[in-house]
Amino acid sequence: MAGQTLTAAATLMCPHAGTVTAVPASPRVSAGATVLTMADSFLIAGCTFAPGGAASPCLTVQWVVADSAVKVKGSATLSTSSTGLCLSGASAPQGSVIIASTQARVSTR
C-alpha cells in the first residue's frame, strides 16, 4: 500500500486529542522536512484519557506497520498507510495514532 510520506512537519494526534511530537533519530530531509522512520521517537503531550476517572494518558507511539519498500539508514519509513499505536505509561495500547495532515509531494510504500 502506498501513502504520503510522513515528515517532521506532519500533524499527528492520539485518539484523545493529545499532540504527537516526532524526535528524529537521524535527520534525512525530503519534501522540505525530515522523513520519519520506525527508529524515531514519538512523544505525546496533552492527552486527556481518563477511563473511570483515573488518568491514563497516552505518552508514546509504537509503529506496528511501516513502509515495506523504502528505508532510510536501514529503518523503514512511515506514511499515511502506516499504523501506530498510542501507549500509556504502562505500555497499554489506547488507540491508533491519527494522521491529521502531512505533505503531498512524496509517496512511499
Protein backbone atom coordinates (compact mmCIF):
# COMPACT_ATOMS: atom_id res chain seq x y z
CA MET A 1 0.00 0.00 0.00
CA ALA A 2 1.35 3.40 -0.93
CA GLY A 3 0.81 6.51 1.17
CA GLN A 4 2.04 10.06 1.57
CA THR A 5 5.39 10.06 3.38
CA LEU A 6 5.30 11.30 6.97
CA THR A 7 7.74 14.07 7.80
CA ALA A 8 8.52 16.03 10.96
CA ALA A 9 6.05 18.63 9.67
CA ALA A 10 3.12 16.15 9.81
CA THR A 11 0.34 16.72 12.32
CA LEU A 12 -0.20 13.59 14.43
CA MET A 13 -2.57 13.12 17.39
CA CYS A 14 -3.64 10.45 19.84
CA PRO A 15 -7.36 9.49 19.82
CA HIS A 16 -7.89 11.73 22.86
CA ALA A 17 -6.60 14.94 21.21
CA GLY A 18 -3.05 14.70 22.56
CA THR A 19 -0.31 16.13 20.33
CA VAL A 20 2.33 13.75 18.97
CA THR A 21 5.85 15.16 18.56
CA ALA A 22 8.38 13.24 16.47
CA VAL A 23 12.02 13.18 17.57
CA PRO A 24 14.01 12.04 14.52
CA ALA A 25 16.86 9.63 15.27
CA SER A 26 18.72 10.53 12.09
CA PRO A 27 17.64 13.59 10.13
CA ARG A 28 17.05 12.93 6.44
CA VAL A 29 15.33 15.72 4.52
CA SER A 30 12.81 15.11 1.74
CA ALA A 31 9.73 17.10 0.79
CA GLY A 32 11.00 20.04 2.82
CA ALA A 33 11.22 18.30 6.23
CA THR A 34 12.83 15.31 7.94
CA VAL A 35 11.39 11.95 6.81
CA LEU A 36 10.08 9.91 9.75
CA THR A 37 11.03 6.27 10.32
CA MET A 38 10.32 3.49 12.82
CA ALA A 39 13.65 4.32 14.52
CA ASP A 40 12.37 7.75 15.59
CA SER A 41 10.81 8.51 18.97
CA PHE A 42 7.24 9.79 19.17
CA LEU A 43 6.15 11.57 22.36
CA ILE A 44 2.57 12.55 23.24
CA ALA A 45 1.55 15.58 25.31
CA GLY A 46 -1.87 16.82 26.31
CA CYS A 47 -3.75 13.50 26.24
CA THR A 48 -6.86 13.68 28.43
CA PHE A 49 -7.73 9.96 28.54
CA ALA A 50 -9.15 9.09 31.96
CA PRO A 51 -11.22 5.87 31.90
CA GLY A 52 -13.40 5.64 35.02
CA GLY A 53 -11.89 8.91 36.24
CA ALA A 54 -8.36 7.51 36.55
CA ALA A 55 -5.82 9.42 34.45
CA SER A 56 -4.11 7.16 31.91
CA PRO A 57 -2.73 9.49 29.23
CA CYS A 58 -1.14 8.34 26.01
CA LEU A 59 2.62 9.02 26.25
CA THR A 60 4.32 7.39 23.25
CA VAL A 61 3.61 5.87 19.83
CA GLN A 62 4.73 2.39 18.77
CA TRP A 63 4.54 1.85 15.00
CA VAL A 64 3.40 -1.66 14.07
CA VAL A 65 3.05 -1.25 10.30
CA ALA A 66 5.59 0.75 8.29
CA ASP A 67 6.52 1.10 4.63
CA SER A 68 7.99 -2.10 3.26
CA ALA A 69 9.80 -0.83 0.18
CA VAL A 70 11.55 2.33 1.45
CA LYS A 71 14.19 2.63 4.17
CA VAL A 72 16.32 5.48 5.49
CA LYS A 73 19.60 4.34 7.03
CA GLY A 74 18.16 0.82 7.40
CA SER A 75 14.91 1.85 9.10
CA ALA A 76 11.51 1.62 7.40
CA THR A 77 9.88 4.95 6.58
CA LEU A 78 6.39 5.91 7.73
CA SER A 79 3.47 7.05 5.60
CA THR A 80 -0.27 7.59 5.77
CA SER A 81 -0.54 3.82 5.19
CA SER A 82 1.40 3.08 8.40
CA THR A 83 -0.24 2.06 11.67
CA GLY A 84 0.90 3.36 15.05
CA LEU A 85 -0.48 2.54 18.49
CA CYS A 86 -0.65 5.17 21.23
CA LEU A 87 0.63 3.71 24.51
CA SER A 88 0.10 4.68 28.15
CA GLY A 89 2.91 4.86 30.70
CA ALA A 90 2.21 1.17 31.44
CA SER A 91 2.65 0.40 27.69
CA ALA A 92 -1.05 -0.39 27.30
CA PRO A 93 -2.40 0.32 23.78
CA GLN A 94 -5.05 3.05 23.88
CA GLY A 95 -5.92 3.50 20.22
CA SER A 96 -4.34 4.25 16.86
CA VAL A 97 -2.44 7.43 16.09
CA ILE A 98 -4.40 9.92 13.97
CA ILE A 99 -2.56 11.38 10.98
CA ALA A 100 -4.30 14.76 10.65
CA SER A 101 -2.07 16.21 7.92
CA THR A 102 1.14 15.60 6.02
CA GLN A 103 2.92 16.74 2.88
CA ALA A 104 1.53 15.78 -0.54
CA ARG A 105 4.64 15.67 -2.75
CA VAL A 106 6.32 12.37 -1.82
CA SER A 107 4.74 8.91 -1.54
CA THR A 108 6.29 5.71 -0.17
CA ARG A 109 5.17 2.12 0.17
